[in-house]
N, C-alpha and C. Protein backbone atom coordinates (compact mmCIF):
# COMPACT_ATOMS: atom_id res chain seq x y z
N MET A 1 0.66 -1.27 0.12
CA MET A 1 0.07 0.00 -0.05
C MET A 1 0.95 1.16 0.29
N SER A 2 0.57 2.22 -0.76
CA SER A 2 1.66 3.51 -0.78
C SER A 2 1.06 4.31 -0.01
N MET A 3 2.10 4.98 0.78
CA MET A 3 2.21 6.24 1.85
C MET A 3 1.94 7.31 1.11
N LYS A 4 1.62 7.78 -0.37
CA LYS A 4 1.58 8.82 -0.83
C LYS A 4 0.29 9.39 -0.33
N GLY A 5 0.33 10.76 -0.17
CA GLY A 5 -0.92 11.62 0.36
C GLY A 5 -1.19 11.40 1.69
N SER A 6 -0.39 10.55 2.54
CA SER A 6 -0.65 10.37 3.95
C SER A 6 0.03 11.46 4.84
N PRO A 7 -0.38 11.72 6.14
CA PRO A 7 0.09 12.72 7.01
C PRO A 7 1.32 12.67 7.03
N ILE A 8 1.99 11.46 7.17
CA ILE A 8 3.20 11.40 7.73
C ILE A 8 4.31 12.00 6.41
N ASN A 9 4.12 11.39 5.44
CA ASN A 9 4.61 11.72 3.94
C ASN A 9 4.46 13.48 3.95
N TRP A 10 3.36 13.97 4.19
CA TRP A 10 2.81 15.63 3.78
C TRP A 10 3.74 16.32 4.80
N TRP A 11 3.99 15.69 6.08
CA TRP A 11 4.86 16.49 6.92
C TRP A 11 6.26 16.43 6.41
N LYS A 12 6.70 15.33 6.06
CA LYS A 12 8.31 15.32 5.62
C LYS A 12 8.52 15.96 4.45
N GLU A 13 7.17 16.62 3.67
CA GLU A 13 7.71 17.29 2.35
C GLU A 13 7.59 18.57 2.97
N LYS A 14 6.80 18.86 4.00
CA LYS A 14 6.86 20.43 4.55
C LYS A 14 7.90 20.79 5.00
N ARG A 15 8.68 19.81 6.00
CA ARG A 15 9.69 19.82 6.61
C ARG A 15 11.14 20.07 5.63
N GLN A 16 11.02 19.26 4.81
CA GLN A 16 12.44 19.49 3.77
C GLN A 16 12.11 21.16 2.86
N SER A 17 10.86 21.37 2.49
CA SER A 17 10.81 22.74 2.00
C SER A 17 11.04 23.77 2.80
N SER A 18 11.09 23.59 3.84
CA SER A 18 11.20 24.92 5.03
C SER A 18 12.73 25.08 5.10
N HIS A 19 13.14 26.48 5.34
CA HIS A 19 14.33 26.88 5.40
C HIS A 19 14.66 27.54 6.98
N SER A 20 16.20 26.85 7.14
CA SER A 20 16.34 27.18 8.62
C SER A 20 16.56 28.88 8.67
N GLY A 21 16.75 29.51 7.80
CA GLY A 21 16.93 30.66 8.28
C GLY A 21 15.90 31.63 8.30
N ILE A 22 15.06 31.16 7.72
CA ILE A 22 13.60 32.08 7.55
C ILE A 22 13.00 32.12 9.35
N PRO A 23 12.88 33.96 9.70
CA PRO A 23 12.28 34.02 10.95
C PRO A 23 11.00 32.96 11.36
N HIS A 24 11.18 32.63 12.52
CA HIS A 24 9.91 31.65 13.07
C HIS A 24 8.57 32.56 12.85
N ALA A 25 8.34 33.64 12.90
CA ALA A 25 7.04 34.12 12.50
C ALA A 25 6.60 33.97 11.02
N SER A 26 7.67 33.90 10.45
CA SER A 26 7.66 33.90 8.74
C SER A 26 7.68 31.94 8.25
N ARG A 27 7.90 31.38 9.39
CA ARG A 27 8.08 29.98 8.77
C ARG A 27 6.85 29.55 8.06
N PRO A 28 6.69 28.76 7.36
CA PRO A 28 5.57 27.98 6.92
C PRO A 28 5.09 26.83 7.85
N GLN A 29 3.62 26.97 7.96
CA GLN A 29 2.63 26.22 8.91
C GLN A 29 2.97 24.76 8.61
N THR A 30 2.93 23.67 9.20
CA THR A 30 2.98 22.29 9.18
C THR A 30 1.81 21.77 9.48
N ALA A 31 1.04 22.58 9.89
CA ALA A 31 -0.51 22.01 10.28
C ALA A 31 -0.94 21.19 9.32
N PHE A 32 -1.67 20.11 9.19
CA PHE A 32 -2.10 19.48 8.04
C PHE A 32 -3.63 19.52 8.24
N PRO A 33 -4.44 19.50 7.22
CA PRO A 33 -6.03 19.76 7.32
C PRO A 33 -6.58 18.14 7.66
N TRP A 34 -6.44 17.85 8.94
CA TRP A 34 -6.94 16.36 9.29
C TRP A 34 -8.15 16.30 8.65
N ASN A 35 -8.25 14.61 8.41
CA ASN A 35 -9.58 13.97 7.84
C ASN A 35 -9.54 12.72 8.61
N PRO A 36 -10.64 12.47 8.97
CA PRO A 36 -10.86 11.30 9.91
C PRO A 36 -10.81 9.71 8.96
N ASP A 37 -11.18 9.99 7.36
CA ASP A 37 -10.79 8.77 6.63
C ASP A 37 -9.53 8.60 6.65
N ALA A 38 -8.67 9.71 6.66
CA ALA A 38 -7.24 9.09 6.70
C ALA A 38 -6.71 8.95 7.75
N ASP A 39 -7.25 9.16 9.09
CA ASP A 39 -6.69 8.56 10.41
C ASP A 39 -7.18 6.80 10.26
N ARG A 40 -8.10 6.35 9.64
CA ARG A 40 -8.64 5.14 9.56
C ARG A 40 -7.71 4.46 8.55
N ASP A 41 -7.35 5.22 7.58
CA ASP A 41 -6.38 4.48 6.65
C ASP A 41 -4.94 4.05 7.12
N LEU A 42 -4.60 5.14 8.05
CA LEU A 42 -3.36 5.19 8.72
C LEU A 42 -3.41 3.88 9.70
N SER A 43 -4.41 3.87 10.76
CA SER A 43 -4.97 2.65 11.70
C SER A 43 -4.84 1.27 10.73
N LYS A 44 -5.39 1.41 9.76
CA LYS A 44 -5.24 0.23 8.70
C LYS A 44 -3.73 -0.21 8.25
N ILE A 45 -3.37 0.85 8.03
CA ILE A 45 -1.84 0.77 7.40
C ILE A 45 -0.90 -0.02 8.47
N VAL A 46 -0.81 0.55 9.77
CA VAL A 46 -0.06 0.20 10.95
C VAL A 46 -0.79 -1.38 11.34
N GLU A 47 -1.82 -1.44 11.40
CA GLU A 47 -2.37 -2.71 11.70
C GLU A 47 -1.75 -3.75 10.62
N ALA A 48 -1.97 -3.45 9.50
CA ALA A 48 -1.43 -4.80 8.17
C ALA A 48 0.22 -4.58 8.62
N ALA A 49 0.97 -3.63 8.60
CA ALA A 49 2.40 -3.58 8.95
C ALA A 49 2.75 -4.38 10.10
N VAL A 50 2.03 -4.54 11.16
CA VAL A 50 2.27 -5.19 12.06
C VAL A 50 1.89 -6.86 11.93
N LEU A 51 0.94 -6.76 11.37
CA LEU A 51 0.62 -8.55 11.13
C LEU A 51 1.62 -8.86 10.13
N SER A 52 1.72 -8.09 9.04
CA SER A 52 2.78 -8.86 7.93
C SER A 52 4.03 -8.96 8.97
N ALA A 53 4.46 -7.87 9.88
CA ALA A 53 5.78 -8.39 10.30
C ALA A 53 5.66 -9.54 11.55
N PHE A 54 4.83 -9.49 12.00
CA PHE A 54 4.27 -11.13 12.80
C PHE A 54 4.32 -12.17 12.05
N GLU A 55 3.78 -12.27 10.90
CA GLU A 55 3.61 -13.24 10.11
C GLU A 55 4.98 -13.70 9.12
N SER A 56 5.77 -12.74 9.44
CA SER A 56 6.96 -13.31 8.44
C SER A 56 7.79 -13.93 8.80
N THR A 57 8.43 -14.63 8.03
CA THR A 57 9.73 -15.67 8.17
C THR A 57 10.72 -15.16 8.70
N ALA A 58 11.30 -13.88 8.70
CA ALA A 58 12.11 -13.56 9.56
C ALA A 58 12.00 -13.53 11.23
N PHE A 59 10.73 -12.86 11.28
CA PHE A 59 10.40 -12.84 12.63
C PHE A 59 10.20 -14.20 13.41
N LYS A 60 9.60 -15.01 12.80
CA LYS A 60 9.51 -16.37 13.11
C LYS A 60 10.86 -17.03 13.53
N ILE A 61 11.98 -16.58 12.50
CA ILE A 61 13.37 -17.24 12.69
C ILE A 61 13.93 -16.56 14.12
N ALA A 62 13.57 -15.17 14.08
CA ALA A 62 14.02 -14.45 15.33
C ALA A 62 13.70 -15.07 16.50
N VAL A 63 12.28 -15.37 16.61
CA VAL A 63 11.72 -15.73 17.78
C VAL A 63 12.20 -17.10 18.05
N ALA A 64 12.04 -17.94 17.14
CA ALA A 64 12.49 -19.38 17.40
C ALA A 64 14.31 -19.58 17.77
N SER A 65 15.03 -18.27 17.25
CA SER A 65 16.61 -18.51 17.77
C SER A 65 16.35 -17.70 19.27
N GLN A 66 15.56 -17.26 19.75
CA GLN A 66 15.84 -17.07 21.19
C GLN A 66 15.03 -17.83 22.11
N VAL A 67 13.95 -18.76 21.34
CA VAL A 67 13.32 -19.61 22.34
C VAL A 67 13.61 -20.86 22.38
N ASP A 68 14.26 -21.36 21.04
CA ASP A 68 14.62 -22.74 21.13
C ASP A 68 15.95 -23.14 21.99
N PRO A 69 17.25 -21.94 22.28
CA PRO A 69 18.21 -22.62 23.25
C PRO A 69 17.52 -22.65 24.65
N ALA A 70 16.97 -21.69 24.84
CA ALA A 70 16.31 -21.49 26.17
C ALA A 70 15.26 -22.76 26.43
N PHE A 71 14.66 -23.15 25.46
CA PHE A 71 13.53 -24.34 25.64
C PHE A 71 14.58 -25.71 25.81
N THR A 72 15.62 -25.64 25.04
CA THR A 72 16.48 -26.89 24.84
C THR A 72 17.38 -27.03 26.11
N ARG A 73 17.79 -25.65 27.08
CA ARG A 73 18.25 -25.53 28.29
C ARG A 73 17.46 -26.18 29.30
N HIS A 74 16.25 -25.79 29.25
CA HIS A 74 15.30 -26.14 30.20
C HIS A 74 15.17 -27.57 29.97
N GLN A 75 14.98 -28.24 28.76
CA GLN A 75 14.49 -29.46 28.70
C GLN A 75 15.83 -30.29 29.13
N GLU A 76 17.15 -29.83 28.94
CA GLU A 76 18.59 -30.80 29.56
C GLU A 76 18.37 -30.51 31.12
N LYS A 77 17.91 -29.32 31.74
CA LYS A 77 17.65 -29.58 33.28
C LYS A 77 16.87 -30.49 34.14
N LEU A 78 15.75 -30.45 32.91
CA LEU A 78 14.58 -31.40 33.11
C LEU A 78 15.06 -33.01 33.09
N ASN A 79 15.74 -33.16 31.88
CA ASN A 79 16.34 -34.46 32.01
C ASN A 79 17.25 -34.53 33.32
N GLN A 80 18.20 -33.99 33.35
CA GLN A 80 18.91 -34.07 34.38
C GLN A 80 18.40 -34.49 35.88
N ILE A 81 17.13 -33.60 36.06
CA ILE A 81 16.44 -33.61 37.20
C ILE A 81 15.85 -35.08 37.25
N LYS A 82 15.16 -35.68 35.99
CA LYS A 82 14.46 -36.66 36.18
C LYS A 82 15.72 -37.70 36.36
N ALA A 83 16.80 -37.64 35.91
CA ALA A 83 18.02 -38.88 35.99
C ALA A 83 18.43 -38.78 37.39
N THR A 84 18.57 -37.51 38.07
CA THR A 84 18.94 -37.50 39.55
C THR A 84 17.85 -38.00 40.50
N GLY A 85 16.32 -37.79 40.14
CA GLY A 85 15.31 -38.52 40.71
C GLY A 85 15.11 -40.01 40.58
N LEU A 86 15.50 -40.56 39.63
CA LEU A 86 15.52 -41.82 39.45
C LEU A 86 16.64 -42.68 40.00
N ASN A 87 18.11 -42.08 40.28
CA ASN A 87 18.81 -42.11 40.86
C ASN A 87 18.50 -42.18 42.32
N LEU A 88 17.88 -41.12 42.88
CA LEU A 88 17.72 -41.18 44.27
C LEU A 88 16.81 -42.21 44.59
N GLU A 89 15.70 -42.37 43.74
CA GLU A 89 14.71 -43.48 44.07
C GLU A 89 15.07 -45.00 44.12
N SER A 90 16.06 -45.16 43.24
CA SER A 90 17.12 -46.33 43.20
C SER A 90 17.55 -46.76 44.93
N VAL A 91 18.30 -45.34 45.17
CA VAL A 91 19.10 -45.68 46.19
C VAL A 91 18.32 -45.63 47.58
N LEU A 92 17.20 -44.75 47.62
CA LEU A 92 16.15 -45.12 48.65
C LEU A 92 15.48 -46.55 49.02
N GLN A 93 15.34 -46.99 47.44
CA GLN A 93 14.55 -48.57 47.39
C GLN A 93 15.68 -49.53 48.09
N GLY A 94 16.91 -49.33 47.85
CA GLY A 94 18.02 -50.10 48.18
C GLY A 94 17.95 -50.13 49.61
N HIS A 95 18.21 -48.64 50.18
CA HIS A 95 18.00 -48.52 51.83
C HIS A 95 16.81 -48.84 52.37
N PHE A 96 15.55 -48.62 51.89
CA PHE A 96 14.39 -49.16 52.62
C PHE A 96 14.45 -50.88 52.42
N GLY A 97 14.92 -51.14 51.13
CA GLY A 97 14.96 -52.72 51.52
C GLY A 97 15.79 -53.18 52.65
N GLY A 98 16.78 -52.59 52.78
CA GLY A 98 17.97 -52.85 53.97
C GLY A 98 17.14 -52.75 55.51
N LEU A 99 16.33 -51.56 55.38
CA LEU A 99 15.83 -51.09 56.57
C LEU A 99 14.43 -52.35 56.72
N LYS A 100 13.94 -52.88 55.62
CA LYS A 100 12.68 -53.64 55.92
C LYS A 100 13.27 -54.98 56.66
N ALA A 101 14.62 -55.37 55.67
CA ALA A 101 15.06 -56.54 56.34
C ALA A 101 15.43 -56.55 57.60
N GLY A 102 16.16 -55.47 58.22
CA GLY A 102 16.62 -55.24 59.42
C GLY A 102 15.33 -55.25 60.68
N HIS A 103 14.36 -54.62 59.87
CA HIS A 103 13.24 -54.95 60.68
C HIS A 103 12.51 -55.80 60.95
N GLN A 104 12.60 -56.67 60.01
CA GLN A 104 11.98 -58.25 60.09
C GLN A 104 12.84 -58.99 61.10
N THR A 105 14.08 -58.57 61.05
CA THR A 105 15.05 -59.25 61.87
C THR A 105 15.12 -59.03 63.32
N LEU A 106 14.41 -57.83 63.42
CA LEU A 106 14.38 -57.10 64.80
C LEU A 106 13.06 -57.73 65.32
N GLU A 107 12.04 -57.46 64.43
CA GLU A 107 10.69 -58.10 65.11
C GLU A 107 10.76 -60.00 65.38
N ARG A 108 11.76 -60.37 64.64
CA ARG A 108 11.88 -61.89 64.88
C ARG A 108 12.58 -62.06 66.18
N ARG A 109 13.51 -61.19 66.46
CA ARG A 109 14.47 -61.54 67.50
C ARG A 109 13.14 -60.61 69.16
N ILE A 110 12.85 -59.92 68.70
CA ILE A 110 11.90 -59.39 69.70
C ILE A 110 10.92 -60.34 70.16
N ASP A 111 10.39 -61.04 69.20
CA ASP A 111 9.31 -62.16 69.55
C ASP A 111 10.18 -63.19 70.12
N GLU A 112 11.18 -63.72 69.54
CA GLU A 112 11.96 -64.73 70.32
C GLU A 112 12.52 -64.00 71.90
N LEU A 113 12.66 -63.02 72.27
CA LEU A 113 12.80 -62.45 73.41
C LEU A 113 12.11 -62.94 74.52
N ARG A 114 12.59 -63.58 75.58
CA ARG A 114 11.74 -63.47 76.83
C ARG A 114 11.76 -62.97 77.78
N ILE A 115 11.11 -62.10 78.20
CA ILE A 115 11.53 -60.96 79.42
C ILE A 115 10.98 -62.05 80.91
N PRO A 116 12.06 -62.10 81.74
CA PRO A 116 11.26 -62.67 82.95
C PRO A 116 10.60 -61.78 83.74
N ASP A 117 9.42 -62.46 84.57
CA ASP A 117 8.72 -61.64 85.23
C ASP A 117 8.85 -61.74 86.92
N TYR A 118 9.27 -60.14 86.96
CA TYR A 118 9.92 -60.02 88.42
C TYR A 118 9.04 -59.34 89.10
N ARG A 119 7.50 -59.53 89.00
CA ARG A 119 6.67 -58.35 89.91
C ARG A 119 6.79 -59.32 91.20
N GLU A 120 7.02 -60.52 91.21
CA GLU A 120 6.91 -60.92 92.83
C GLU A 120 7.95 -60.30 93.66
N GLU A 121 9.25 -60.30 93.01
CA GLU A 121 10.52 -59.79 93.40
C GLU A 121 10.37 -58.24 93.60
N LEU A 122 10.10 -57.64 93.10
CA LEU A 122 9.89 -55.86 93.07
C LEU A 122 8.73 -55.90 94.25
N ASN A 123 7.91 -56.48 94.18
CA ASN A 123 6.71 -56.26 95.23
C ASN A 123 7.29 -56.37 96.84
N GLU A 124 8.07 -57.46 96.81
CA GLU A 124 9.10 -57.94 97.96
C GLU A 124 9.77 -56.76 98.16
N ILE A 125 10.88 -56.18 97.28
CA ILE A 125 11.51 -55.14 97.32
C ILE A 125 10.61 -54.29 97.93
N ILE A 126 9.67 -53.53 97.44
CA ILE A 126 8.95 -52.23 97.85
C ILE A 126 8.26 -52.49 99.20
N SER A 127 7.88 -53.78 99.53
CA SER A 127 7.34 -54.07 100.82
C SER A 127 8.29 -53.82 101.94
N GLY A 128 9.87 -54.53 101.65
CA GLY A 128 10.92 -54.09 102.52
C GLY A 128 11.42 -52.95 102.73
N GLN A 129 11.24 -52.18 101.32
CA GLN A 129 11.56 -50.76 101.54
C GLN A 129 10.59 -49.87 102.46
N GLY A 130 9.41 -50.22 102.10
CA GLY A 130 8.37 -49.41 103.20
C GLY A 130 8.40 -49.92 104.65
N LYS A 131 8.94 -51.18 105.27
CA LYS A 131 9.22 -51.58 106.16
C LYS A 131 10.69 -50.95 106.76
N PHE A 132 11.55 -50.73 105.80
CA PHE A 132 12.77 -50.15 106.05
C PHE A 132 12.46 -48.61 106.30
N LEU A 133 11.87 -47.98 105.64
CA LEU A 133 11.46 -46.79 105.83
C LEU A 133 10.81 -46.39 107.15
N LYS A 134 9.70 -47.10 107.72
CA LYS A 134 9.04 -46.89 109.04
C LYS A 134 9.91 -47.07 110.00
N THR A 135 11.19 -48.29 110.06
CA THR A 135 11.83 -48.41 111.14
C THR A 135 12.93 -47.07 111.06
N PHE A 136 13.20 -46.56 110.01
CA PHE A 136 14.00 -45.61 109.81
C PHE A 136 13.25 -44.35 110.64
N GLU A 137 11.87 -44.01 110.35
CA GLU A 137 11.45 -42.92 110.72
C GLU A 137 11.37 -43.15 112.29
N SER A 138 11.33 -44.52 112.75
CA SER A 138 10.94 -44.66 114.04
C SER A 138 12.13 -43.98 114.92
N ARG A 139 13.47 -44.76 114.40
CA ARG A 139 14.74 -44.57 114.87
C ARG A 139 14.85 -43.22 114.58
N VAL A 140 14.80 -42.25 113.61
CA VAL A 140 14.98 -40.83 114.01
C VAL A 140 13.91 -39.74 114.84
N SER A 141 12.93 -40.29 114.79
CA SER A 141 12.16 -39.94 116.22
C SER A 141 12.34 -40.22 117.37
N ALA A 142 13.16 -41.54 117.59
CA ALA A 142 13.95 -41.58 118.89
C ALA A 142 14.98 -40.83 118.95
N ILE A 143 15.70 -40.62 118.22
CA ILE A 143 17.05 -39.90 117.92
C ILE A 143 16.70 -38.29 118.50
N GLU A 144 15.90 -37.66 117.86
CA GLU A 144 15.22 -36.46 117.71
C GLU A 144 14.69 -36.15 119.62
N SER A 145 14.25 -37.50 119.65
CA SER A 145 13.78 -37.17 121.24
C SER A 145 14.97 -37.09 122.02
N ARG A 146 16.00 -37.85 121.86
CA ARG A 146 16.99 -37.97 122.71
C ARG A 146 17.73 -36.75 122.55
N LEU A 147 17.71 -36.15 121.35
CA LEU A 147 18.44 -34.80 121.22
C LEU A 147 17.56 -33.48 121.94
N GLU A 148 16.29 -33.57 122.02
CA GLU A 148 15.66 -32.65 122.72
C GLU A 148 15.96 -32.86 124.44
N ASP A 149 16.13 -34.11 124.72
CA ASP A 149 15.97 -34.49 126.27
C ASP A 149 17.77 -33.85 126.42
N LEU A 150 18.72 -33.96 125.64
CA LEU A 150 19.86 -33.39 125.64
C LEU A 150 19.94 -32.16 125.79
N ASP A 151 19.25 -31.26 125.08
CA ASP A 151 19.23 -30.14 124.85
C ASP A 151 18.68 -29.49 126.17
N ARG A 152 17.54 -30.24 126.86
CA ARG A 152 16.85 -29.56 127.94
C ARG A 152 17.90 -29.75 129.20
N LYS A 153 18.53 -31.29 129.35
CA LYS A 153 19.50 -31.03 130.28
C LYS A 153 20.81 -30.31 130.27
N THR A 154 21.10 -30.20 128.86
CA THR A 154 22.29 -29.12 128.71
C THR A 154 21.79 -27.82 129.26
N SER A 155 20.77 -27.45 128.92
CA SER A 155 20.24 -26.05 129.51
C SER A 155 20.14 -26.06 131.13
N ASP A 156 19.77 -27.14 131.49
CA ASP A 156 19.47 -27.24 133.06
C ASP A 156 21.25 -27.22 133.33
N LEU A 157 21.91 -27.63 132.84
CA LEU A 157 23.19 -27.86 133.37
C LEU A 157 23.97 -26.59 133.40
N ASP A 158 23.50 -25.72 132.13
CA ASP A 158 24.13 -24.45 131.76
C ASP A 158 23.83 -23.67 133.05
N GLU A 159 22.47 -23.75 133.43
CA GLU A 159 21.84 -22.82 134.39
C GLU A 159 22.48 -23.29 135.67
N SER A 160 22.61 -24.58 136.00
CA SER A 160 23.24 -24.93 137.60
C SER A 160 24.68 -24.16 137.49
N VAL A 161 25.61 -24.64 136.24
CA VAL A 161 26.74 -24.17 136.12
C VAL A 161 26.77 -22.74 136.57
N VAL A 162 25.98 -21.86 135.90
CA VAL A 162 26.04 -20.34 135.97
C VAL A 162 25.67 -19.96 137.67
N ASN A 163 24.63 -20.88 137.95
CA ASN A 163 24.31 -20.49 139.51
C ASN A 163 25.51 -20.74 140.46
N ALA A 164 26.15 -21.97 140.24
CA ALA A 164 27.40 -22.05 140.94
C ALA A 164 28.38 -21.12 140.84
N ASP A 165 28.39 -20.84 139.57
CA ASP A 165 29.74 -19.95 139.53
C ASP A 165 29.22 -18.52 140.10
N LEU A 166 28.16 -18.33 140.20
CA LEU A 166 27.60 -16.74 141.12
C LEU A 166 27.78 -17.16 142.11
N ARG A 167 27.44 -18.42 143.05
CA ARG A 167 27.66 -18.80 144.27
C ARG A 167 29.17 -18.79 144.42
N SER A 168 29.78 -19.48 143.81
CA SER A 168 31.37 -19.73 144.14
C SER A 168 31.81 -17.93 144.19
N ALA A 169 31.56 -17.21 143.18
CA ALA A 169 32.04 -15.53 142.87
C ALA A 169 31.74 -15.08 144.42
N ILE A 170 30.42 -15.16 144.84
CA ILE A 170 29.80 -14.67 146.12
C ILE A 170 30.67 -15.10 147.35
N ARG A 171 30.77 -16.56 147.26
CA ARG A 171 31.49 -17.06 148.35
C ARG A 171 33.08 -16.43 148.50
N PHE A 172 33.78 -16.27 147.33
CA PHE A 172 35.13 -15.81 147.09
C PHE A 172 35.11 -14.40 147.78
N GLY A 173 33.96 -13.38 147.39
CA GLY A 173 34.21 -12.32 148.03
C GLY A 173 33.72 -12.14 149.58
N GLU A 174 33.01 -13.02 150.14
CA GLU A 174 32.86 -13.12 151.34
C GLU A 174 33.96 -13.83 151.90
N ILE A 175 34.67 -14.73 151.52
CA ILE A 175 36.29 -15.06 152.10
C ILE A 175 37.32 -13.82 152.05
N SER A 176 37.10 -13.45 150.46
CA SER A 176 38.36 -12.37 150.59
C SER A 176 38.19 -11.01 151.29
N ASN A 177 36.98 -10.93 151.88
CA ASN A 177 36.41 -9.80 152.95
C ASN A 177 36.84 -10.39 154.39
N GLU A 178 36.59 -11.51 154.47
CA GLU A 178 36.99 -11.88 156.02
C GLU A 178 38.62 -11.97 155.93
N LEU A 179 39.17 -12.64 155.16
CA LEU A 179 40.59 -12.38 155.17
C LEU A 179 41.27 -11.26 155.41
N GLN A 180 40.50 -10.05 154.92
CA GLN A 180 41.02 -8.68 154.91
C GLN A 180 41.00 -8.34 156.19
N ASP A 181 39.56 -8.68 157.00
CA ASP A 181 39.44 -8.07 158.17
C ASP A 181 40.48 -9.12 159.03
N ARG A 182 40.57 -10.19 159.05
CA ARG A 182 41.51 -11.06 159.82
C ARG A 182 43.00 -10.42 159.60
N ASN A 183 43.28 -9.89 158.43
CA ASN A 183 44.70 -9.63 158.33
C ASN A 183 44.95 -8.26 158.89
N THR A 184 43.83 -7.44 158.97
CA THR A 184 43.85 -6.20 159.38
C THR A 184 44.13 -6.37 160.83
N THR A 185 42.91 -7.35 161.57
CA THR A 185 43.08 -7.46 162.86
C THR A 185 44.71 -8.24 163.47
N LEU A 186 45.20 -8.85 162.56
CA LEU A 186 46.46 -9.55 162.94
C LEU A 186 47.34 -8.54 162.87
N ASN A 187 47.43 -7.68 161.95
CA ASN A 187 48.66 -6.75 161.98
C ASN A 187 48.26 -5.55 163.21
N ASN A 188 46.90 -5.57 163.35
CA ASN A 188 47.01 -4.51 164.73
C ASN A 188 47.31 -5.38 165.79
N SER A 189 47.10 -6.41 166.09
CA SER A 189 47.55 -7.51 167.33
C SER A 189 49.27 -7.37 167.25
N ILE A 190 50.20 -7.60 166.08
CA ILE A 190 51.46 -7.72 166.13
C ILE A 190 51.77 -6.15 166.28
N TRP A 191 51.30 -5.40 165.99
CA TRP A 191 51.60 -3.84 166.52
C TRP A 191 51.74 -3.43 167.70
N GLU A 192 50.59 -4.05 168.32
CA GLU A 192 50.23 -3.88 169.93
C GLU A 192 51.18 -4.63 170.48
N VAL A 193 51.59 -6.06 170.07
CA VAL A 193 52.78 -6.88 170.79
C VAL A 193 54.06 -6.33 170.66
N GLN A 194 54.36 -5.73 169.27
CA GLN A 194 55.69 -5.14 169.25
C GLN A 194 56.02 -3.90 170.11
N ARG A 195 54.63 -3.05 170.24
CA ARG A 195 54.93 -1.98 171.11
C ARG A 195 55.16 -2.24 172.80
N GLU A 196 54.19 -3.36 172.84
CA GLU A 196 54.46 -3.69 174.47
C GLU A 196 55.71 -4.47 174.90
N LEU A 197 56.29 -5.10 173.88
CA LEU A 197 57.58 -5.82 173.83
C LEU A 197 59.15 -4.57 173.93
N GLY A 198 58.73 -3.63 173.15
CA GLY A 198 59.49 -2.35 172.98
C GLY A 198 59.56 -1.77 174.58
N LYS A 199 58.31 -1.52 174.86
CA LYS A 199 58.31 -0.93 175.94
C LYS A 199 59.09 -1.75 177.30
N LYS A 200 58.96 -3.32 177.65
CA LYS A 200 59.60 -3.79 178.00
C LYS A 200 61.03 -3.78 177.98
N VAL A 201 61.52 -3.81 176.60
CA VAL A 201 62.88 -3.75 176.49
C VAL A 201 63.33 -2.65 176.92
N ASP A 202 62.91 -1.13 176.77
CA ASP A 202 63.15 -0.11 177.31
C ASP A 202 63.41 -0.17 178.70
N ALA A 203 62.19 -0.75 179.56
CA ALA A 203 62.30 -0.71 180.94
C ALA A 203 63.78 -1.58 181.48
N LEU A 204 63.57 -2.82 180.41
CA LEU A 204 64.97 -3.65 180.87
C LEU A 204 66.26 -3.22 180.59
N GLN A 205 66.18 -2.43 179.59
CA GLN A 205 67.48 -1.62 179.36
C GLN A 205 67.93 -0.60 180.60
N ARG A 206 66.69 -0.05 180.85
CA ARG A 206 67.24 0.87 182.00
C ARG A 206 67.15 0.40 183.28
N ARG A 207 66.84 -0.99 183.63
CA ARG A 207 67.26 -1.59 184.77
C ARG A 207 68.92 -2.02 184.40
N VAL A 208 69.07 -2.64 183.50
CA VAL A 208 70.45 -3.29 183.13
C VAL A 208 71.38 -1.97 183.46
N VAL A 209 71.01 -0.64 182.72
CA VAL A 209 72.21 0.19 182.99
C VAL A 209 71.89 0.87 184.35
N GLY A 210 71.04 0.89 185.50
CA GLY A 210 70.92 1.49 186.74
C GLY A 210 71.37 0.19 187.37
N ALA A 211 71.49 -1.00 187.18
CA ALA A 211 72.32 -2.02 187.70
C ALA A 211 73.60 -2.17 187.57
N CYS A 212 74.29 -1.68 186.55
CA CYS A 212 75.35 -1.37 186.09
C CYS A 212 76.15 -0.21 186.53
N GLU A 213 75.18 0.86 186.73
CA GLU A 213 75.96 2.01 187.59
C GLU A 213 76.04 1.78 189.09
N GLU A 214 75.01 1.04 189.60
CA GLU A 214 75.26 0.68 190.99
C GLU A 214 76.34 -0.35 191.15
N MET A 215 76.70 -1.32 190.34
CA MET A 215 77.84 -2.10 190.80
C MET A 215 79.03 -1.20 190.43
N GLY A 216 79.16 0.01 189.62
CA GLY A 216 80.21 0.60 189.60
C GLY A 216 80.28 1.67 190.37
N LYS A 217 79.21 1.97 191.06
CA LYS A 217 79.71 2.70 192.26
C LYS A 217 80.06 1.67 193.50
N VAL A 218 79.54 0.20 193.72
CA VAL A 218 80.02 -0.51 194.71
C VAL A 218 81.72 -0.76 194.34
N VAL A 219 81.83 -1.14 193.48
CA VAL A 219 83.56 -1.16 192.85
C VAL A 219 84.40 -0.08 193.14
N ARG A 220 83.92 0.96 193.00
CA ARG A 220 84.69 2.30 193.32
C ARG A 220 84.92 2.41 194.88
């Protein structure tokens, strides 16, 4: 379809015929007397061009050149994932087979295992433990009562010791006072005896001196 007479071609012709040296006010107008029919023709032209471009072999080749490698890579990844899944499935099946065999062996051993019945022995042990606990509680109670008696006796003994100490201190004070009084009395008595002895010694000395003087007179 020819583009002659279209608004785009007309605008290009007007731009080429205009001169850059002409002032802005005197430049030719590029306005196009728009026609609705021409607008519809332009839309049809653009639509036909786009459709023809999409339907062209070059466009298909370009799209295929971009899509095919990506699709191929995705397909390769999917194949790798499938192969990995198959390998994992085979490994898991092998492990599950081993686990199943081990489980069956364990079940057989559990079925063959016989656990002896120790209920009577356990009941006897429990009853013996109960008796032991009762005996232990009674002994603990007896020990507690003895400790209480010992505490009470200790308290009484402490009180009696304190009272005895007080009595001893009081008696010691009384004895000390009595000894001091006796010492004072004894000192006074000794002083009196010494004074009397001094008097007697003085009198005896005077007598001796007088006798000596008399004997001297007689001798002369």
